[in-house]
Amino acid sequence: MSKVWILGPCSIENRDLFFDCLSHIDNIMEEGDDWYMKASFDKANRTSLHGGRGPGLEDAISIWKEARSAFPHVKFTTDVHECWQVEKLVDVIDMVQIPAFLCRQTNFILKVSSANKPVNIKKGQFLSPLEMINVVEKAKSTGNKDIFVCERGVSFGYNNLVSDMRSLVLLRETKCPVIYDASHSVQYPGKDITSSGGGSEFIPSLAKAAT
């Protein structure tokens, strides 16, 4: 059975970094692995107003079009934050990601899922795994059956997330493929006051455990 990977930088900081990451990841993928290059055009939920958000939608679309031409075998995904963005992305993106903070927004979920693209819904830090059954029901009500659910840790006290590995089993109750986000699961939200921190040293162990 092939693996499904979602890999890449958090944000499309610039074209050159995006292509450097894309080329490097593509070189280390094993034959038969299904992978999506993920980078956001706009990190709309940064901790601070002054946090870097990305190049914006129009510049990102140009980068994706160039990347699709250069790497036709690679799939691409990004998160969206507003309904109007979905229609602009359907021709350049293979999977749409719903951010964790927006996973309860019914109209937004319906709009994204109606685009007839695979959808990766990140479980909110404020939800239990089984609550995602209702979220998936909203998405699948559009007729879209290609829905993924993603675990990325749960809020636990101040500026901290915890990965409950039982969640990976419980999320199967949604009848959807389960993705584990190893990097965001070690995030320390808002820890540095104007930005989030993180325990990147834990990523390899958690990714191995999830696999």
N, C-alpha and C. Protein backbone atom coordinates (compact mmCIF):
# COMPACT_ATOMS: atom_id res chain seq x y z
N MET A 1 0.85 -1.20 0.00
CA MET A 1 0.00 0.00 0.00
C MET A 1 0.88 1.24 0.00
N SER A 2 0.62 2.18 -0.91
CA SER A 2 1.44 3.39 -0.99
C SER A 2 1.15 4.31 0.19
N LYS A 3 2.15 5.08 0.54
CA LYS A 3 1.99 6.08 1.59
C LYS A 3 1.48 7.38 0.97
N VAL A 4 0.82 8.18 1.76
CA VAL A 4 0.42 9.51 1.34
C VAL A 4 1.14 10.51 2.22
N TRP A 5 1.90 11.39 1.60
CA TRP A 5 2.68 12.39 2.32
C TRP A 5 2.20 13.80 1.96
N ILE A 6 2.15 14.66 2.96
CA ILE A 6 1.91 16.10 2.74
C ILE A 6 3.14 16.80 3.31
N LEU A 7 3.95 17.37 2.44
CA LEU A 7 5.27 17.88 2.83
C LEU A 7 5.51 19.26 2.23
N GLY A 8 6.36 20.03 2.89
CA GLY A 8 6.72 21.33 2.36
C GLY A 8 6.84 22.38 3.44
N PRO A 9 7.22 23.59 3.06
CA PRO A 9 7.34 24.68 4.03
C PRO A 9 5.96 25.17 4.46
N CYS A 10 5.90 25.80 5.60
CA CYS A 10 4.62 26.29 6.11
C CYS A 10 4.02 27.32 5.14
N SER A 11 4.88 28.17 4.60
CA SER A 11 4.43 29.26 3.74
C SER A 11 5.26 29.31 2.47
N ILE A 12 4.65 29.77 1.38
CA ILE A 12 5.43 30.09 0.18
C ILE A 12 6.14 31.41 0.46
N GLU A 13 7.28 31.35 1.09
CA GLU A 13 7.95 32.60 1.43
C GLU A 13 8.42 33.34 0.19
N ASN A 14 8.91 32.58 -0.79
CA ASN A 14 9.28 33.15 -2.08
C ASN A 14 9.42 32.01 -3.08
N ARG A 15 9.53 32.34 -4.34
CA ARG A 15 9.58 31.34 -5.39
C ARG A 15 10.77 30.42 -5.24
N ASP A 16 11.96 30.97 -4.99
CA ASP A 16 13.18 30.16 -4.96
C ASP A 16 13.16 29.14 -3.83
N LEU A 17 12.71 29.55 -2.64
CA LEU A 17 12.62 28.61 -1.53
C LEU A 17 11.62 27.51 -1.83
N PHE A 18 10.50 27.88 -2.43
CA PHE A 18 9.48 26.91 -2.77
C PHE A 18 10.04 25.85 -3.72
N PHE A 19 10.75 26.28 -4.75
CA PHE A 19 11.30 25.34 -5.71
C PHE A 19 12.45 24.53 -5.12
N ASP A 20 13.23 25.10 -4.24
CA ASP A 20 14.30 24.35 -3.57
C ASP A 20 13.69 23.21 -2.75
N CYS A 21 12.66 23.52 -1.99
CA CYS A 21 12.00 22.50 -1.17
C CYS A 21 11.34 21.44 -2.05
N LEU A 22 10.67 21.89 -3.08
CA LEU A 22 9.98 20.98 -3.99
C LEU A 22 10.95 19.99 -4.63
N SER A 23 12.08 20.49 -5.12
CA SER A 23 13.07 19.63 -5.76
C SER A 23 13.68 18.64 -4.78
N HIS A 24 14.00 19.12 -3.57
CA HIS A 24 14.62 18.26 -2.56
C HIS A 24 13.68 17.14 -2.14
N ILE A 25 12.42 17.49 -1.85
CA ILE A 25 11.46 16.48 -1.40
C ILE A 25 11.22 15.46 -2.51
N ASP A 26 11.08 15.94 -3.72
CA ASP A 26 10.81 15.03 -4.84
C ASP A 26 11.95 14.01 -5.00
N ASN A 27 13.16 14.44 -4.72
CA ASN A 27 14.33 13.56 -4.87
C ASN A 27 14.37 12.45 -3.82
N ILE A 28 13.76 12.67 -2.65
CA ILE A 28 13.84 11.66 -1.59
C ILE A 28 12.59 10.79 -1.49
N MET A 29 11.57 11.09 -2.30
CA MET A 29 10.37 10.26 -2.30
C MET A 29 10.67 8.89 -2.91
N GLU A 30 10.05 7.88 -2.32
CA GLU A 30 10.19 6.53 -2.85
C GLU A 30 9.20 6.30 -3.98
N GLU A 31 9.57 5.44 -4.91
CA GLU A 31 8.70 5.15 -6.03
C GLU A 31 7.37 4.58 -5.52
N GLY A 32 6.29 5.12 -6.04
CA GLY A 32 4.97 4.66 -5.63
C GLY A 32 4.34 5.48 -4.53
N ASP A 33 5.14 6.32 -3.85
CA ASP A 33 4.58 7.17 -2.80
C ASP A 33 3.75 8.29 -3.41
N ASP A 34 2.63 8.54 -2.83
CA ASP A 34 1.72 9.60 -3.26
C ASP A 34 1.99 10.81 -2.37
N TRP A 35 2.39 11.93 -2.95
CA TRP A 35 2.72 13.07 -2.07
C TRP A 35 2.20 14.39 -2.63
N TYR A 36 1.89 15.26 -1.68
CA TYR A 36 1.41 16.60 -1.98
C TYR A 36 2.43 17.62 -1.46
N MET A 37 2.77 18.58 -2.29
CA MET A 37 3.61 19.70 -1.87
C MET A 37 2.70 20.74 -1.24
N LYS A 38 2.92 21.00 0.05
CA LYS A 38 2.07 21.93 0.78
C LYS A 38 2.84 23.19 1.15
N ALA A 39 2.29 24.33 0.79
CA ALA A 39 2.79 25.62 1.26
C ALA A 39 1.66 26.62 1.12
N SER A 40 1.51 27.47 2.10
CA SER A 40 0.37 28.39 2.14
C SER A 40 0.69 29.69 1.41
N PHE A 41 -0.31 30.21 0.72
CA PHE A 41 -0.15 31.51 0.07
C PHE A 41 -0.40 32.65 1.04
N ASP A 42 -1.14 32.35 2.12
CA ASP A 42 -1.43 33.37 3.13
C ASP A 42 -1.68 32.69 4.47
N LYS A 43 -0.79 32.91 5.42
CA LYS A 43 -1.00 32.41 6.77
C LYS A 43 -1.85 33.44 7.52
N ALA A 44 -3.16 33.29 7.37
CA ALA A 44 -4.08 34.31 7.84
C ALA A 44 -4.30 34.27 9.35
N ASN A 45 -3.76 33.25 10.04
CA ASN A 45 -3.98 33.17 11.48
C ASN A 45 -2.67 33.26 12.26
N ARG A 46 -1.75 34.08 11.75
CA ARG A 46 -0.50 34.30 12.49
C ARG A 46 -0.79 34.88 13.87
N THR A 47 0.11 34.62 14.81
CA THR A 47 -0.07 35.11 16.18
C THR A 47 -0.16 36.63 16.22
N SER A 48 0.73 37.28 15.48
CA SER A 48 0.83 38.73 15.52
C SER A 48 0.51 39.34 14.17
N LEU A 49 0.06 40.58 14.19
CA LEU A 49 -0.18 41.33 12.95
C LEU A 49 1.09 41.43 12.12
N HIS A 50 2.24 41.38 12.78
CA HIS A 50 3.52 41.59 12.10
C HIS A 50 4.16 40.29 11.61
N GLY A 51 3.52 39.15 11.83
CA GLY A 51 4.05 37.88 11.37
C GLY A 51 3.97 37.75 9.86
N GLY A 52 4.99 37.16 9.25
CA GLY A 52 5.00 36.97 7.81
C GLY A 52 3.87 36.06 7.35
N ARG A 53 3.13 36.47 6.34
CA ARG A 53 1.94 35.73 5.93
C ARG A 53 2.10 35.00 4.61
N GLY A 54 3.02 35.42 3.77
CA GLY A 54 3.17 34.77 2.47
C GLY A 54 2.98 35.75 1.34
N PRO A 55 3.09 35.29 0.09
CA PRO A 55 3.10 36.19 -1.06
C PRO A 55 1.73 36.67 -1.51
N GLY A 56 0.67 36.07 -1.00
CA GLY A 56 -0.66 36.40 -1.48
C GLY A 56 -1.10 35.47 -2.59
N LEU A 57 -2.39 35.48 -2.90
CA LEU A 57 -2.98 34.49 -3.79
C LEU A 57 -2.48 34.59 -5.22
N GLU A 58 -2.45 35.78 -5.79
CA GLU A 58 -2.11 35.91 -7.21
C GLU A 58 -0.67 35.49 -7.48
N ASP A 59 0.27 35.92 -6.66
CA ASP A 59 1.66 35.52 -6.83
C ASP A 59 1.82 34.02 -6.64
N ALA A 60 1.09 33.46 -5.67
CA ALA A 60 1.17 32.03 -5.41
C ALA A 60 0.65 31.22 -6.60
N ILE A 61 -0.41 31.69 -7.23
CA ILE A 61 -0.95 30.99 -8.39
C ILE A 61 0.08 30.92 -9.51
N SER A 62 0.81 32.00 -9.72
CA SER A 62 1.87 31.99 -10.73
C SER A 62 2.95 30.97 -10.40
N ILE A 63 3.31 30.88 -9.12
CA ILE A 63 4.33 29.91 -8.69
C ILE A 63 3.83 28.50 -8.88
N TRP A 64 2.59 28.23 -8.51
CA TRP A 64 2.03 26.88 -8.68
C TRP A 64 1.97 26.47 -10.15
N LYS A 65 1.58 27.40 -11.02
CA LYS A 65 1.50 27.08 -12.44
C LYS A 65 2.88 26.70 -12.98
N GLU A 66 3.89 27.44 -12.59
CA GLU A 66 5.26 27.12 -13.01
C GLU A 66 5.69 25.77 -12.45
N ALA A 67 5.36 25.52 -11.19
CA ALA A 67 5.76 24.27 -10.55
C ALA A 67 5.06 23.07 -11.19
N ARG A 68 3.80 23.22 -11.54
CA ARG A 68 3.06 22.13 -12.16
C ARG A 68 3.65 21.78 -13.52
N SER A 69 4.14 22.78 -14.22
CA SER A 69 4.77 22.54 -15.51
C SER A 69 6.10 21.82 -15.36
N ALA A 70 6.86 22.21 -14.33
CA ALA A 70 8.19 21.62 -14.11
C ALA A 70 8.12 20.26 -13.43
N PHE A 71 7.10 20.03 -12.61
CA PHE A 71 6.95 18.78 -11.86
C PHE A 71 5.53 18.24 -12.08
N PRO A 72 5.22 17.75 -13.28
CA PRO A 72 3.84 17.34 -13.58
C PRO A 72 3.35 16.14 -12.78
N HIS A 73 4.27 15.40 -12.17
CA HIS A 73 3.88 14.22 -11.40
C HIS A 73 3.58 14.55 -9.94
N VAL A 74 3.84 15.77 -9.51
CA VAL A 74 3.66 16.17 -8.12
C VAL A 74 2.27 16.80 -7.94
N LYS A 75 1.64 16.50 -6.80
CA LYS A 75 0.38 17.13 -6.45
C LYS A 75 0.64 18.30 -5.50
N PHE A 76 -0.30 19.24 -5.47
CA PHE A 76 -0.11 20.44 -4.67
C PHE A 76 -1.34 20.70 -3.80
N THR A 77 -1.07 21.24 -2.61
CA THR A 77 -2.17 21.58 -1.70
C THR A 77 -1.83 22.86 -0.95
N THR A 78 -2.85 23.52 -0.49
CA THR A 78 -2.71 24.71 0.34
C THR A 78 -3.96 24.85 1.19
N ASP A 79 -3.85 25.62 2.25
CA ASP A 79 -5.04 25.91 3.04
C ASP A 79 -5.71 27.18 2.51
N VAL A 80 -7.01 27.26 2.70
CA VAL A 80 -7.78 28.43 2.33
C VAL A 80 -8.49 28.96 3.57
N HIS A 81 -8.81 30.23 3.54
CA HIS A 81 -9.40 30.85 4.72
C HIS A 81 -10.72 31.55 4.44
N GLU A 82 -11.02 31.77 3.16
CA GLU A 82 -12.26 32.46 2.81
C GLU A 82 -12.88 31.77 1.60
N CYS A 83 -14.20 31.83 1.52
CA CYS A 83 -14.93 31.10 0.48
C CYS A 83 -14.53 31.55 -0.92
N TRP A 84 -14.31 32.85 -1.13
CA TRP A 84 -14.04 33.35 -2.47
C TRP A 84 -12.71 32.84 -3.02
N GLN A 85 -11.82 32.38 -2.15
CA GLN A 85 -10.51 31.91 -2.61
C GLN A 85 -10.59 30.55 -3.31
N VAL A 86 -11.63 29.79 -3.00
CA VAL A 86 -11.70 28.40 -3.49
C VAL A 86 -11.74 28.34 -5.01
N GLU A 87 -12.60 29.14 -5.63
CA GLU A 87 -12.75 29.08 -7.08
C GLU A 87 -11.48 29.49 -7.82
N LYS A 88 -10.68 30.35 -7.23
CA LYS A 88 -9.44 30.78 -7.86
C LYS A 88 -8.37 29.69 -7.80
N LEU A 89 -8.56 28.70 -6.92
CA LEU A 89 -7.52 27.69 -6.69
C LEU A 89 -7.78 26.36 -7.39
N VAL A 90 -8.99 26.13 -7.85
CA VAL A 90 -9.34 24.78 -8.30
C VAL A 90 -8.51 24.29 -9.48
N ASP A 91 -7.99 25.21 -10.29
CA ASP A 91 -7.21 24.80 -11.46
C ASP A 91 -5.74 24.57 -11.16
N VAL A 92 -5.26 24.99 -10.00
CA VAL A 92 -3.83 24.88 -9.71
C VAL A 92 -3.52 24.02 -8.49
N ILE A 93 -4.55 23.62 -7.75
CA ILE A 93 -4.36 22.86 -6.52
C ILE A 93 -5.09 21.52 -6.62
N ASP A 94 -4.45 20.46 -6.11
CA ASP A 94 -5.03 19.12 -6.18
C ASP A 94 -5.80 18.74 -4.92
N MET A 95 -5.48 19.37 -3.81
CA MET A 95 -6.19 19.13 -2.55
C MET A 95 -6.31 20.46 -1.81
N VAL A 96 -7.48 20.70 -1.23
CA VAL A 96 -7.69 21.91 -0.45
C VAL A 96 -7.68 21.54 1.03
N GLN A 97 -6.99 22.35 1.82
CA GLN A 97 -6.89 22.09 3.25
C GLN A 97 -7.71 23.11 4.04
N ILE A 98 -8.53 22.61 4.96
CA ILE A 98 -9.29 23.47 5.85
C ILE A 98 -8.52 23.62 7.15
N PRO A 99 -8.14 24.84 7.51
CA PRO A 99 -7.36 25.05 8.75
C PRO A 99 -8.13 24.61 9.99
N ALA A 100 -7.38 24.25 11.01
CA ALA A 100 -7.99 23.75 12.25
C ALA A 100 -8.95 24.76 12.86
N PHE A 101 -8.58 26.03 12.83
CA PHE A 101 -9.44 27.05 13.44
C PHE A 101 -10.77 27.21 12.72
N LEU A 102 -10.89 26.70 11.49
CA LEU A 102 -12.10 26.90 10.69
C LEU A 102 -12.89 25.60 10.49
N CYS A 103 -12.53 24.55 11.21
CA CYS A 103 -13.12 23.24 10.93
C CYS A 103 -14.56 23.11 11.39
N ARG A 104 -15.10 24.11 12.08
CA ARG A 104 -16.51 24.07 12.50
C ARG A 104 -17.38 25.03 11.68
N GLN A 105 -16.78 25.75 10.74
CA GLN A 105 -17.51 26.76 9.98
C GLN A 105 -18.29 26.09 8.85
N THR A 106 -19.58 25.88 9.06
CA THR A 106 -20.39 25.07 8.16
C THR A 106 -20.39 25.58 6.72
N ASN A 107 -20.70 26.86 6.50
CA ASN A 107 -20.76 27.39 5.14
C ASN A 107 -19.40 27.26 4.44
N PHE A 108 -18.36 27.47 5.18
CA PHE A 108 -17.01 27.37 4.61
C PHE A 108 -16.71 25.93 4.20
N ILE A 109 -17.02 24.98 5.06
CA ILE A 109 -16.80 23.57 4.75
C ILE A 109 -17.59 23.16 3.51
N LEU A 110 -18.83 23.60 3.41
CA LEU A 110 -19.67 23.26 2.26
C LEU A 110 -19.09 23.85 0.98
N LYS A 111 -18.59 25.06 1.04
CA LYS A 111 -18.01 25.70 -0.14
C LYS A 111 -16.76 24.97 -0.59
N VAL A 112 -15.87 24.67 0.33
CA VAL A 112 -14.62 23.99 -0.01
C VAL A 112 -14.91 22.60 -0.57
N SER A 113 -15.79 21.87 0.08
CA SER A 113 -16.07 20.50 -0.33
C SER A 113 -16.80 20.44 -1.66
N SER A 114 -17.53 21.50 -2.02
CA SER A 114 -18.26 21.53 -3.28
C SER A 114 -17.36 21.75 -4.48
N ALA A 115 -16.09 22.05 -4.24
CA ALA A 115 -15.16 22.32 -5.35
C ALA A 115 -14.74 21.04 -6.07
N ASN A 116 -15.19 19.89 -5.58
CA ASN A 116 -14.89 18.61 -6.22
C ASN A 116 -13.40 18.32 -6.25
N LYS A 117 -12.73 18.70 -5.18
CA LYS A 117 -11.32 18.38 -4.98
C LYS A 117 -11.19 17.61 -3.66
N PRO A 118 -10.17 16.77 -3.52
CA PRO A 118 -9.92 16.19 -2.20
C PRO A 118 -9.77 17.29 -1.15
N VAL A 119 -10.27 17.03 0.04
CA VAL A 119 -10.23 18.01 1.13
C VAL A 119 -9.58 17.39 2.35
N ASN A 120 -8.60 18.08 2.90
CA ASN A 120 -7.96 17.67 4.14
C ASN A 120 -8.44 18.59 5.25
N ILE A 121 -9.20 18.05 6.19
CA ILE A 121 -9.75 18.87 7.27
C ILE A 121 -8.92 18.66 8.53
N LYS A 122 -8.28 19.71 9.00
CA LYS A 122 -7.47 19.61 10.21
C LYS A 122 -8.38 19.71 11.44
N LYS A 123 -8.24 18.75 12.32
CA LYS A 123 -9.05 18.74 13.54
C LYS A 123 -8.67 19.93 14.42
N GLY A 124 -9.68 20.67 14.83
CA GLY A 124 -9.42 21.81 15.70
C GLY A 124 -8.76 21.40 17.00
N GLN A 125 -7.89 22.27 17.50
CA GLN A 125 -7.22 22.01 18.77
C GLN A 125 -8.22 21.92 19.92
N PHE A 126 -9.42 22.36 19.66
CA PHE A 126 -10.48 22.44 20.68
C PHE A 126 -11.49 21.30 20.56
N LEU A 127 -11.24 20.35 19.65
CA LEU A 127 -12.19 19.26 19.42
C LEU A 127 -11.63 17.92 19.88
N SER A 128 -12.54 17.06 20.31
CA SER A 128 -12.19 15.66 20.53
C SER A 128 -12.25 14.94 19.18
N PRO A 129 -11.58 13.80 19.05
CA PRO A 129 -11.56 13.11 17.75
C PRO A 129 -12.95 12.76 17.22
N LEU A 130 -13.83 12.28 18.08
CA LEU A 130 -15.13 11.82 17.60
C LEU A 130 -16.03 12.98 17.15
N GLU A 131 -15.73 14.19 17.60
CA GLU A 131 -16.49 15.34 17.11
C GLU A 131 -16.26 15.59 15.63
N MET A 132 -15.19 15.03 15.08
CA MET A 132 -14.91 15.19 13.65
C MET A 132 -15.90 14.41 12.79
N ILE A 133 -16.65 13.49 13.39
CA ILE A 133 -17.69 12.78 12.63
C ILE A 133 -18.70 13.78 12.08
N ASN A 134 -19.09 14.75 12.89
CA ASN A 134 -20.05 15.77 12.45
C ASN A 134 -19.45 16.67 11.38
N VAL A 135 -18.17 16.98 11.53
CA VAL A 135 -17.48 17.82 10.55
C VAL A 135 -17.46 17.12 9.19
N VAL A 136 -17.11 15.84 9.20
CA VAL A 136 -17.05 15.06 7.95
C VAL A 136 -18.44 14.94 7.33
N GLU A 137 -19.46 14.81 8.16
CA GLU A 137 -20.83 14.73 7.63
C GLU A 137 -21.17 15.98 6.83
N LYS A 138 -20.76 17.13 7.34
CA LYS A 138 -20.99 18.38 6.60
C LYS A 138 -20.29 18.33 5.24
N ALA A 139 -19.04 17.91 5.23
CA ALA A 139 -18.26 17.89 3.99
C ALA A 139 -18.85 16.91 2.99
N LYS A 140 -19.20 15.72 3.45
CA LYS A 140 -19.70 14.69 2.54
C LYS A 140 -21.13 14.95 2.07
N SER A 141 -21.83 15.86 2.74
CA SER A 141 -23.19 16.19 2.30
C SER A 141 -23.19 16.84 0.93
N THR A 142 -22.04 17.34 0.48
CA THR A 142 -21.92 17.96 -0.85
C THR A 142 -21.75 16.92 -1.94
N GLY A 143 -21.60 15.66 -1.57
CA GLY A 143 -21.33 14.61 -2.53
C GLY A 143 -19.86 14.28 -2.68
N ASN A 144 -19.02 15.06 -2.04
CA ASN A 144 -17.57 14.82 -2.09
C ASN A 144 -17.23 13.70 -1.11
N LYS A 145 -16.69 12.62 -1.63
CA LYS A 145 -16.33 11.48 -0.78
C LYS A 145 -14.83 11.42 -0.50
N ASP A 146 -14.07 12.33 -1.11
CA ASP A 146 -12.61 12.29 -1.00
C ASP A 146 -12.16 13.23 0.12
N ILE A 147 -12.48 12.85 1.35
CA ILE A 147 -12.23 13.68 2.52
C ILE A 147 -11.19 13.01 3.42
N PHE A 148 -10.20 13.78 3.84
CA PHE A 148 -9.20 13.33 4.80
C PHE A 148 -9.42 14.08 6.11
N VAL A 149 -9.06 13.46 7.23
CA VAL A 149 -9.06 14.15 8.52
C VAL A 149 -7.65 14.14 9.08
N CYS A 150 -7.29 15.23 9.73
CA CYS A 150 -5.89 15.42 10.15
C CYS A 150 -5.80 15.74 11.63
N GLU A 151 -4.99 14.96 12.33
CA GLU A 151 -4.71 15.20 13.75
C GLU A 151 -3.48 16.10 13.88
N ARG A 152 -3.60 17.14 14.72
CA ARG A 152 -2.47 18.05 14.91
C ARG A 152 -2.33 18.53 16.36
N GLY A 153 -2.77 17.67 17.29
CA GLY A 153 -2.62 18.01 18.70
C GLY A 153 -3.85 18.69 19.27
N VAL A 154 -3.91 18.67 20.58
CA VAL A 154 -5.05 19.26 21.28
C VAL A 154 -4.53 20.26 22.31
N SER A 155 -5.28 21.35 22.52
CA SER A 155 -4.87 22.38 23.47
C SER A 155 -4.78 21.79 24.87
N PHE A 156 -3.73 22.15 25.58
CA PHE A 156 -3.51 21.61 26.92
C PHE A 156 -2.80 22.66 27.75
N GLY A 157 -3.57 23.45 28.49
CA GLY A 157 -2.94 24.50 29.28
C GLY A 157 -2.50 25.66 28.40
N TYR A 158 -1.57 26.44 28.89
CA TYR A 158 -1.13 27.63 28.20
C TYR A 158 0.00 27.33 27.23
N ASN A 159 -0.14 27.84 25.99
CA ASN A 159 0.94 27.79 24.98
C ASN A 159 1.47 26.39 24.74
N ASN A 160 0.59 25.41 24.73
CA ASN A 160 1.07 24.05 24.53
C ASN A 160 0.01 23.20 23.85
N LEU A 161 0.46 22.24 23.06
CA LEU A 161 -0.40 21.23 22.47
C LEU A 161 0.12 19.86 22.88
N VAL A 162 -0.78 18.90 22.92
CA VAL A 162 -0.39 17.52 23.22
C VAL A 162 -0.99 16.60 22.16
N SER A 163 -0.20 15.66 21.66
CA SER A 163 -0.69 14.66 20.73
C SER A 163 -1.15 13.43 21.52
N ASP A 164 -2.44 13.16 21.44
CA ASP A 164 -2.99 11.95 22.03
C ASP A 164 -3.07 10.91 20.91
N MET A 165 -2.17 9.93 20.92
CA MET A 165 -2.11 8.98 19.83
C MET A 165 -3.38 8.13 19.69
N ARG A 166 -4.20 8.08 20.73
CA ARG A 166 -5.48 7.39 20.61
C ARG A 166 -6.36 8.06 19.57
N SER A 167 -6.12 9.34 19.36
CA SER A 167 -6.91 10.08 18.39
C SER A 167 -6.80 9.49 16.99
N LEU A 168 -5.62 8.94 16.64
CA LEU A 168 -5.43 8.38 15.31
C LEU A 168 -6.33 7.16 15.09
N VAL A 169 -6.64 6.45 16.17
CA VAL A 169 -7.56 5.31 16.09
C VAL A 169 -9.00 5.81 16.07
N LEU A 170 -9.32 6.74 16.96
CA LEU A 170 -10.69 7.24 17.05
C LEU A 170 -11.12 7.97 15.78
N LEU A 171 -10.19 8.65 15.12
CA LEU A 171 -10.54 9.38 13.91
C LEU A 171 -10.96 8.44 12.77
N ARG A 172 -10.60 7.18 12.87
CA ARG A 172 -11.05 6.22 11.85
C ARG A 172 -12.56 6.07 11.85
N GLU A 173 -13.21 6.45 12.96
CA GLU A 173 -14.66 6.37 13.03
C GLU A 173 -15.34 7.32 12.04
N THR A 174 -14.58 8.28 11.51
CA THR A 174 -15.12 9.18 10.49
C THR A 174 -15.23 8.48 9.14
N LYS A 175 -14.62 7.29 9.01
CA LYS A 175 -14.57 6.53 7.75
C LYS A 175 -13.75 7.27 6.69
N CYS A 176 -12.82 8.09 7.15
CA CYS A 176 -11.94 8.83 6.24
C CYS A 176 -10.49 8.43 6.50
N PRO A 177 -9.62 8.57 5.49
CA PRO A 177 -8.18 8.40 5.74
C PRO A 177 -7.71 9.41 6.78
N VAL A 178 -6.79 8.98 7.65
CA VAL A 178 -6.31 9.82 8.75
C VAL A 178 -4.88 10.28 8.45
N ILE A 179 -4.68 11.59 8.52
CA ILE A 179 -3.36 12.21 8.35
C ILE A 179 -2.86 12.66 9.71
N TYR A 180 -1.55 12.51 9.94
CA TYR A 180 -0.96 13.05 11.17
C TYR A 180 0.00 14.18 10.83
N ASP A 181 -0.24 15.33 11.43
CA ASP A 181 0.62 16.51 11.21
C ASP A 181 1.65 16.57 12.33
N ALA A 182 2.83 16.04 12.05
CA ALA A 182 3.85 15.92 13.09
C ALA A 182 4.45 17.26 13.48
N SER A 183 4.51 18.21 12.56
CA SER A 183 5.16 19.48 12.89
C SER A 183 4.25 20.40 13.70
N HIS A 184 2.99 20.54 13.27
CA HIS A 184 2.09 21.40 14.03
C HIS A 184 1.70 20.80 15.38
N SER A 185 1.87 19.49 15.52
CA SER A 185 1.55 18.85 16.80
C SER A 185 2.54 19.20 17.90
N VAL A 186 3.70 19.72 17.54
CA VAL A 186 4.68 20.11 18.55
C VAL A 186 4.76 21.63 18.69
N GLN A 187 3.76 22.30 18.17
CA GLN A 187 3.72 23.76 18.25
C GLN A 187 3.45 24.23 19.67
N TYR A 188 4.06 25.36 20.03
CA TYR A 188 3.74 26.05 21.29
C TYR A 188 3.02 27.35 20.90
N PRO A 189 1.70 27.32 20.78
CA PRO A 189 0.98 28.49 20.25
C PRO A 189 1.19 29.75 21.08
N GLY A 190 1.64 30.80 20.41
CA GLY A 190 1.80 32.10 21.05
C GLY A 190 2.83 32.16 22.16
N LYS A 191 3.69 31.16 22.25
CA LYS A 191 4.61 31.09 23.39
C LYS A 191 5.57 32.27 23.44
N ASP A 192 5.99 32.73 22.27
CA ASP A 192 6.95 33.84 22.23
C ASP A 192 6.25 35.19 22.11
N ILE A 193 5.03 35.25 22.62
CA ILE A 193 4.19 36.45 22.69
C ILE A 193 3.74 36.92 21.31
N THR A 194 4.68 37.27 20.42
CA THR A 194 4.29 37.72 19.08
C THR A 194 4.44 36.63 18.03
N SER A 195 4.82 35.44 18.45
CA SER A 195 4.94 34.32 17.51
C SER A 195 4.83 33.01 18.29
N SER A 196 4.59 31.94 17.57
CA SER A 196 4.52 30.62 18.18
C SER A 196 5.90 29.98 18.20
N GLY A 197 6.13 29.15 19.20
CA GLY A 197 7.36 28.37 19.25
C GLY A 197 7.05 26.93 18.89
N GLY A 198 8.00 26.04 19.18
CA GLY A 198 7.75 24.64 18.88
C GLY A 198 8.88 23.75 19.32
N GLY A 199 8.57 22.49 19.56
CA GLY A 199 9.58 21.51 19.96
C GLY A 199 9.92 20.60 18.80
N SER A 200 10.65 21.12 17.84
CA SER A 200 10.93 20.37 16.61
C SER A 200 11.71 19.08 16.87
N GLU A 201 12.40 19.01 18.01
CA GLU A 201 13.17 17.81 18.32
C GLU A 201 12.28 16.58 18.52
N PHE A 202 10.98 16.81 18.75
CA PHE A 202 10.05 15.70 18.97
C PHE A 202 9.43 15.17 17.68
N ILE A 203 9.60 15.89 16.58
CA ILE A 203 8.92 15.53 15.33
C ILE A 203 9.26 14.11 14.86
N PRO A 204 10.54 13.72 14.78
CA PRO A 204 10.83 12.37 14.26
C PRO A 204 10.18 11.24 15.07
N SER A 205 10.22 11.36 16.39
CA SER A 205 9.65 10.31 17.24
C SER A 205 8.14 10.23 17.10
N LEU A 206 7.48 11.40 17.06
CA LEU A 206 6.03 11.40 16.94
C LEU A 206 5.59 10.90 15.56
N ALA A 207 6.32 11.28 14.53
CA ALA A 207 5.98 10.81 13.19
C ALA A 207 6.14 9.30 13.09
N LYS A 208 7.18 8.79 13.69
CA LYS A 208 7.40 7.34 13.69
C LYS A 208 6.29 6.63 14.46
N ALA A 209 5.92 7.18 15.61
CA ALA A 209 4.85 6.57 16.40
C ALA A 209 3.52 6.59 15.64
N ALA A 210 3.23 7.68 14.97
CA ALA A 210 1.99 7.79 14.23
C ALA A 210 1.95 6.79 13.07
N THR A 211 3.08 6.62 12.41
CA THR A 211 3.15 5.68 11.30
C THR A 211 2.94 4.26 11.78
